[in-house]
Amino acid sequence: MHYRDDKGQTLYGFSQENLEKTNRQIRQTNKLLLLLIFLVLLFLIAVVFSAIYLDYNNIITRLIYGG
């Protein structure tokens, strides 16, 4: 497949429309990856704080020994 750019030079492979579609999909994927990273970090923070809370209040020991 041969495509010509604005200057008349021959381009091979992808048309500008296909490149724009690919770029849109890449941008969407990047946004979803950022959202996933944010959610994982939020989950890790919640796990750390819940572990600290449980250790600080000794809840598990109280449940086991009824204290």
PDB file of N, CA and C in Angstrom:
ATOM      1  N   MET A   1       0.844  -1.173   0.000  1.00  0.00           N
ATOM      2  CA  MET A   1       0.000   0.000   0.000  1.00  0.00           C
ATOM      3  C   MET A   1       0.888   1.234   0.000  1.00  0.00           C
ATOM      4  N   HIS A   2       0.557   2.156  -0.863  1.00  0.00           N
ATOM      5  CA  HIS A   2       1.327   3.393  -0.953  1.00  0.00           C
ATOM      6  C   HIS A   2       0.422   4.564  -0.597  1.00  0.00           C
ATOM      7  N   TYR A   3       0.910   5.399   0.266  1.00  0.00           N
ATOM      8  CA  TYR A   3       0.193   6.610   0.646  1.00  0.00           C
ATOM      9  C   TYR A   3       1.119   7.787   0.447  1.00  0.00           C
ATOM     10  N   ARG A   4       0.521   8.928   0.176  1.00  0.00           N
ATOM     11  CA  ARG A   4       1.320  10.137  -0.005  1.00  0.00           C
ATOM     12  C   ARG A   4       1.021  11.103   1.136  1.00  0.00           C
ATOM     13  N   ASP A   5       2.087  11.718   1.657  1.00  0.00           N
ATOM     14  CA  ASP A   5       1.893  12.721   2.691  1.00  0.00           C
ATOM     15  C   ASP A   5       1.620  14.072   2.047  1.00  0.00           C
ATOM     16  N   ASP A   6       1.562  15.122   2.863  1.00  0.00           N
ATOM     17  CA  ASP A   6       1.242  16.457   2.354  1.00  0.00           C
ATOM     18  C   ASP A   6       2.267  16.967   1.352  1.00  0.00           C
ATOM     19  N   LYS A   7       3.508  16.526   1.468  1.00  0.00           N
ATOM     20  CA  LYS A   7       4.574  16.986   0.577  1.00  0.00           C
ATOM     21  C   LYS A   7       4.685  16.140  -0.683  1.00  0.00           C
ATOM     22  N   GLY A   8       3.880  15.097  -0.784  1.00  0.00           N
ATOM     23  CA  GLY A   8       3.910  14.252  -1.960  1.00  0.00           C
ATOM     24  C   GLY A   8       4.862  13.081  -1.849  1.00  0.00           C
ATOM     25  N   GLN A   9       5.490  12.915  -0.702  1.00  0.00           N
ATOM     26  CA  GLN A   9       6.404  11.791  -0.523  1.00  0.00           C
ATOM     27  C   GLN A   9       5.601  10.520  -0.268  1.00  0.00           C
ATOM     28  N   THR A  10       6.137   9.416  -0.745  1.00  0.00           N
ATOM     29  CA  THR A  10       5.446   8.144  -0.614  1.00  0.00           C
ATOM     30  C   THR A  10       5.628   7.586   0.793  1.00  0.00           C
ATOM     31  N   LEU A  11       4.525   7.171   1.377  1.00  0.00           N
ATOM     32  CA  LEU A  11       4.538   6.525   2.685  1.00  0.00           C
ATOM     33  C   LEU A  11       4.149   5.065   2.490  1.00  0.00           C
ATOM     34  N   TYR A  12       4.713   4.209   3.277  1.00  0.00           N
ATOM     35  CA  TYR A  12       4.431   2.787   3.155  1.00  0.00           C
ATOM     36  C   TYR A  12       3.804   2.271   4.447  1.00  0.00           C
ATOM     37  N   GLY A  13       2.827   1.377   4.315  1.00  0.00           N
ATOM     38  CA  GLY A  13       2.299   0.710   5.497  1.00  0.00           C
ATOM     39  C   GLY A  13       0.995   1.288   5.999  1.00  0.00           C
ATOM     40  N   PHE A  14       1.066   2.312   6.841  1.00  0.00           N
ATOM     41  CA  PHE A  14      -0.125   2.821   7.505  1.00  0.00           C
ATOM     42  C   PHE A  14      -0.587   4.127   6.879  1.00  0.00           C
ATOM     43  N   SER A  15      -1.890   4.276   6.791  1.00  0.00           N
ATOM     44  CA  SER A  15      -2.438   5.568   6.392  1.00  0.00           C
ATOM     45  C   SER A  15      -2.507   6.456   7.628  1.00  0.00           C
ATOM     46  N   GLN A  16      -2.684   7.740   7.415  1.00  0.00           N
ATOM     47  CA  GLN A  16      -2.778   8.672   8.539  1.00  0.00           C
ATOM     48  C   GLN A  16      -3.985   8.339   9.415  1.00  0.00           C
ATOM     49  N   GLU A  17      -5.064   7.905   8.782  1.00  0.00           N
ATOM     50  CA  GLU A  17      -6.270   7.547   9.542  1.00  0.00           C
ATOM     51  C   GLU A  17      -5.999   6.361  10.461  1.00  0.00           C
ATOM     52  N   ASN A  18      -5.287   5.358   9.943  1.00  0.00           N
ATOM     53  CA  ASN A  18      -4.953   4.203  10.780  1.00  0.00           C
ATOM     54  C   ASN A  18      -4.029   4.603  11.921  1.00  0.00           C
ATOM     55  N   LEU A  19      -3.086   5.498  11.652  1.00  0.00           N
ATOM     56  CA  LEU A  19      -2.186   5.962  12.706  1.00  0.00           C
ATOM     57  C   LEU A  19      -2.955   6.717  13.783  1.00  0.00           C
ATOM     58  N   GLU A  20      -3.921   7.525  13.381  1.00  0.00           N
ATOM     59  CA  GLU A  20      -4.717   8.265  14.359  1.00  0.00           C
ATOM     60  C   GLU A  20      -5.564   7.320  15.206  1.00  0.00           C
ATOM     61  N   LYS A  21      -6.137   6.289  14.579  1.00  0.00           N
ATOM     62  CA  LYS A  21      -6.906   5.297  15.342  1.00  0.00           C
ATOM     63  C   LYS A  21      -6.011   4.579  16.339  1.00  0.00           C
ATOM     64  N   THR A  22      -4.820   4.205  15.887  1.00  0.00           N
ATOM     65  CA  THR A  22      -3.880   3.523  16.775  1.00  0.00           C
ATOM     66  C   THR A  22      -3.476   4.424  17.930  1.00  0.00           C
ATOM     67  N   ASN A  23      -3.213   5.690  17.648  1.00  0.00           N
ATOM     68  CA  ASN A  23      -2.836   6.634  18.701  1.00  0.00           C
ATOM     69  C   ASN A  23      -3.964   6.824  19.709  1.00  0.00           C
ATOM     70  N   ARG A  24      -5.217   6.866  19.234  1.00  0.00           N
ATOM     71  CA  ARG A  24      -6.359   6.978  20.152  1.00  0.00           C
ATOM     72  C   ARG A  24      -6.435   5.761  21.065  1.00  0.00           C
ATOM     73  N   GLN A  25      -6.223   4.585  20.492  1.00  0.00           N
ATOM     74  CA  GLN A  25      -6.275   3.368  21.302  1.00  0.00           C
ATOM     75  C   GLN A  25      -5.135   3.330  22.310  1.00  0.00           C
ATOM     76  N   ILE A  26      -3.956   3.798  21.908  1.00  0.00           N
ATOM     77  CA  ILE A  26      -2.818   3.832  22.829  1.00  0.00           C
ATOM     78  C   ILE A  26      -3.090   4.807  23.963  1.00  0.00           C
ATOM     79  N   ARG A  27      -3.653   5.980  23.648  1.00  0.00           N
ATOM     80  CA  ARG A  27      -3.972   6.949  24.698  1.00  0.00           C
ATOM     81  C   ARG A  27      -5.007   6.386  25.664  1.00  0.00           C
ATOM     82  N   GLN A  28      -6.014   5.685  25.133  1.00  0.00           N
ATOM     83  CA  GLN A  28      -7.028   5.082  25.998  1.00  0.00           C
ATOM     84  C   GLN A  28      -6.399   4.010  26.888  1.00  0.00           C
ATOM     85  N   THR A  29      -5.519   3.203  26.312  1.00  0.00           N
ATOM     86  CA  THR A  29      -4.840   2.176  27.096  1.00  0.00           C
ATOM     87  C   THR A  29      -3.988   2.801  28.188  1.00  0.00           C
ATOM     88  N   ASN A  30      -3.305   3.903  27.875  1.00  0.00           N
ATOM     89  CA  ASN A  30      -2.494   4.587  28.883  1.00  0.00           C
ATOM     90  C   ASN A  30      -3.355   5.100  30.033  1.00  0.00           C
ATOM     91  N   LYS A  31      -4.523   5.647  29.710  1.00  0.00           N
ATOM     92  CA  LYS A  31      -5.426   6.125  30.758  1.00  0.00           C
ATOM     93  C   LYS A  31      -5.891   4.976  31.646  1.00  0.00           C
ATOM     94  N   LEU A  32      -6.223   3.850  31.018  1.00  0.00           N
ATOM     95  CA  LEU A  32      -6.683   2.702  31.796  1.00  0.00           C
ATOM     96  C   LEU A  32      -5.561   2.133  32.664  1.00  0.00           C
ATOM     97  N   LEU A  33      -4.329   2.143  32.146  1.00  0.00           N
ATOM     98  CA  LEU A  33      -3.198   1.679  32.947  1.00  0.00           C
ATOM     99  C   LEU A  33      -2.950   2.594  34.138  1.00  0.00           C
ATOM    100  N   LEU A  34      -3.072   3.899  33.932  1.00  0.00           N
ATOM    101  CA  LEU A  34      -2.919   4.832  35.045  1.00  0.00           C
ATOM    102  C   LEU A  34      -3.999   4.609  36.096  1.00  0.00           C
ATOM    103  N   LEU A  35      -5.224   4.368  35.654  1.00  0.00           N
ATOM    104  CA  LEU A  35      -6.310   4.072  36.587  1.00  0.00           C
ATOM    105  C   LEU A  35      -6.024   2.787  37.359  1.00  0.00           C
ATOM    106  N   LEU A  36      -5.534   1.770  36.663  1.00  0.00           N
ATOM    107  CA  LEU A  36      -5.206   0.507  37.317  1.00  0.00           C
ATOM    108  C   LEU A  36      -4.092   0.688  38.343  1.00  0.00           C
ATOM    109  N   ILE A  37      -3.058   1.439  37.991  1.00  0.00           N
ATOM    110  CA  ILE A  37      -1.959   1.703  38.924  1.00  0.00           C
ATOM    111  C   ILE A  37      -2.473   2.452  40.146  1.00  0.00           C
ATOM    112  N   PHE A  38      -3.333   3.443  39.930  1.00  0.00           N
ATOM    113  CA  PHE A  38      -3.908   4.202  41.040  1.00  0.00           C
ATOM    114  C   PHE A  38      -4.709   3.295  41.968  1.00  0.00           C
ATOM    115  N   LEU A  39      -5.521   2.413  41.395  1.00  0.00           N
ATOM    116  CA  LEU A  39      -6.332   1.517  42.218  1.00  0.00           C
ATOM    117  C   LEU A  39      -5.467   0.529  42.993  1.00  0.00           C
ATOM    118  N   VAL A  40      -4.407   0.035  42.373  1.00  0.00           N
ATOM    119  CA  VAL A  40      -3.506  -0.889  43.069  1.00  0.00           C
ATOM    120  C   VAL A  40      -2.813  -0.174  44.223  1.00  0.00           C
ATOM    121  N   LEU A  41      -2.340   1.061  43.992  1.00  0.00           N
ATOM    122  CA  LEU A  41      -1.707   1.821  45.067  1.00  0.00           C
ATOM    123  C   LEU A  41      -2.688   2.104  46.199  1.00  0.00           C
ATOM    124  N   LEU A  42      -3.920   2.446  45.846  1.00  0.00           N
ATOM    125  CA  LEU A  42      -4.942   2.683  46.859  1.00  0.00           C
ATOM    126  C   LEU A  42      -5.202   1.422  47.679  1.00  0.00           C
ATOM    127  N   PHE A  43      -5.259   0.283  47.006  1.00  0.00           N
ATOM    128  CA  PHE A  43      -5.453  -0.991  47.698  1.00  0.00           C
ATOM    129  C   PHE A  43      -4.283  -1.292  48.635  1.00  0.00           C
ATOM    130  N   LEU A  44      -3.060  -1.065  48.173  1.00  0.00           N
ATOM    131  CA  LEU A  44      -1.895  -1.325  49.015  1.00  0.00           C
ATOM    132  C   LEU A  44      -1.876  -0.418  50.242  1.00  0.00           C
ATOM    133  N   ILE A  45      -2.238   0.837  50.053  1.00  0.00           N
ATOM    134  CA  ILE A  45      -2.305   1.762  51.189  1.00  0.00           C
ATOM    135  C   ILE A  45      -3.359   1.294  52.188  1.00  0.00           C
ATOM    136  N   ALA A  46      -4.508   0.855  51.683  1.00  0.00           N
ATOM    137  CA  ALA A  46      -5.565   0.358  52.566  1.00  0.00           C
ATOM    138  C   ALA A  46      -5.108  -0.885  53.324  1.00  0.00           C
ATOM    139  N   VAL A  47      -4.386  -1.777  52.668  1.00  0.00           N
ATOM    140  CA  VAL A  47      -3.892  -2.987  53.331  1.00  0.00           C
ATOM    141  C   VAL A  47      -2.899  -2.625  54.427  1.00  0.00           C
ATOM    142  N   VAL A  48      -1.984  -1.711  54.133  1.00  0.00           N
ATOM    143  CA  VAL A  48      -0.984  -1.313  55.128  1.00  0.00           C
ATOM    144  C   VAL A  48      -1.652  -0.671  56.334  1.00  0.00           C
ATOM    145  N   PHE A  49      -2.570   0.257  56.101  1.00  0.00           N
ATOM    146  CA  PHE A  49      -3.222   0.929  57.223  1.00  0.00           C
ATOM    147  C   PHE A  49      -4.115  -0.018  58.018  1.00  0.00           C
ATOM    148  N   SER A  50      -4.770  -0.962  57.347  1.00  0.00           N
ATOM    149  CA  SER A  50      -5.585  -1.918  58.101  1.00  0.00           C
ATOM    150  C   SER A  50      -4.700  -2.847  58.924  1.00  0.00           C
ATOM    151  N   ALA A  51      -3.543  -3.236  58.401  1.00  0.00           N
ATOM    152  CA  ALA A  51      -2.622  -4.072  59.178  1.00  0.00           C
ATOM    153  C   ALA A  51      -2.094  -3.309  60.384  1.00  0.00           C
ATOM    154  N   ILE A  52      -1.772  -2.042  60.198  1.00  0.00           N
ATOM    155  CA  ILE A  52      -1.312  -1.218  61.321  1.00  0.00           C
ATOM    156  C   ILE A  52      -2.422  -1.071  62.356  1.00  0.00           C
ATOM    157  N   TYR A  53      -3.647  -0.847  61.904  1.00  0.00           N
ATOM    158  CA  TYR A  53      -4.783  -0.694  62.819  1.00  0.00           C
ATOM    159  C   TYR A  53      -5.014  -1.973  63.618  1.00  0.00           C
ATOM    160  N   LEU A  54      -4.988  -3.114  62.910  1.00  0.00           N
ATOM    161  CA  LEU A  54      -5.204  -4.384  63.604  1.00  0.00           C
ATOM    162  C   LEU A  54      -4.096  -4.658  64.613  1.00  0.00           C
ATOM    163  N   ASP A  55      -2.877  -4.349  64.258  1.00  0.00           N
ATOM    164  CA  ASP A  55      -1.761  -4.567  65.181  1.00  0.00           C
ATOM    165  C   ASP A  55      -1.840  -3.613  66.366  1.00  0.00           C
ATOM    166  N   TYR A  56      -2.183  -2.376  66.101  1.00  0.00           N
ATOM    167  CA  TYR A  56      -2.243  -1.369  67.167  1.00  0.00           C
ATOM    168  C   TYR A  56      -3.328  -1.697  68.189  1.00  0.00           C
ATOM    169  N   ASN A  57      -4.473  -2.132  67.707  1.00  0.00           N
ATOM    170  CA  ASN A  57      -5.593  -2.413  68.610  1.00  0.00           C
ATOM    171  C   ASN A  57      -5.628  -3.858  69.081  1.00  0.00           C
ATOM    172  N   ASN A  58      -4.738  -4.667  68.562  1.00  0.00           N
ATOM    173  CA  ASN A  58      -4.621  -6.060  69.000  1.00  0.00           C
ATOM    174  C   ASN A  58      -5.945  -6.808  68.865  1.00  0.00           C
ATOM    175  N   ILE A  59      -6.673  -6.536  67.808  1.00  0.00           N
ATOM    176  CA  ILE A  59      -8.012  -7.100  67.638  1.00  0.00           C
ATOM    177  C   ILE A  59      -7.961  -8.614  67.479  1.00  0.00           C
ATOM    178  N   ILE A  60      -7.005  -9.111  66.729  1.00  0.00           N
ATOM    179  CA  ILE A  60      -6.947 -10.554  66.482  1.00  0.00           C
ATOM    180  C   ILE A  60      -6.658 -11.305  67.780  1.00  0.00           C
ATOM    181  N   THR A  61      -5.742 -10.783  68.587  1.00  0.00           N
ATOM    182  CA  THR A  61      -5.441 -11.425  69.874  1.00  0.00           C
ATOM    183  C   THR A  61      -6.661 -11.404  70.785  1.00  0.00           C
ATOM    184  N   ARG A  62      -7.392 -10.323  70.793  1.00  0.00           N
ATOM    185  CA  ARG A  62      -8.608 -10.245  71.617  1.00  0.00           C
ATOM    186  C   ARG A  62      -9.652 -11.243  71.148  1.00  0.00           C
ATOM    187  N   LEU A  63      -9.764 -11.430  69.829  1.00  0.00           N
ATOM    188  CA  LEU A  63     -10.729 -12.396  69.310  1.00  0.00           C
ATOM    189  C   LEU A  63     -10.330 -13.819  69.677  1.00  0.00           C
ATOM    190  N   ILE A  64      -9.033 -14.115  69.620  1.00  0.00           N
ATOM    191  CA  ILE A  64      -8.581 -15.475  69.908  1.00  0.00           C
ATOM    192  C   ILE A  64      -8.721 -15.794  71.393  1.00  0.00           C
ATOM    193  N   TYR A  65      -8.250 -14.893  72.246  1.00  0.00           N
ATOM    194  CA  TYR A  65      -8.212 -15.174  73.680  1.00  0.00           C
ATOM    195  C   TYR A  65      -9.403 -14.599  74.445  1.00  0.00           C
ATOM    196  N   GLY A  66     -10.301 -13.935  73.756  1.00  0.00           N
ATOM    197  CA  GLY A  66     -11.498 -13.413  74.398  1.00  0.00           C
ATOM    198  C   GLY A  66     -11.219 -12.310  75.395  1.00  0.00           C
ATOM    199  N   GLY A  67     -10.152 -11.552  75.179  1.00  0.00           N
ATOM    200  CA  GLY A  67      -9.786 -10.507  76.134  1.00  0.00           C
ATOM    201  C   GLY A  67     -10.370  -9.254  75.717  1.00  0.00           C
TER     202      GLY A  67
END
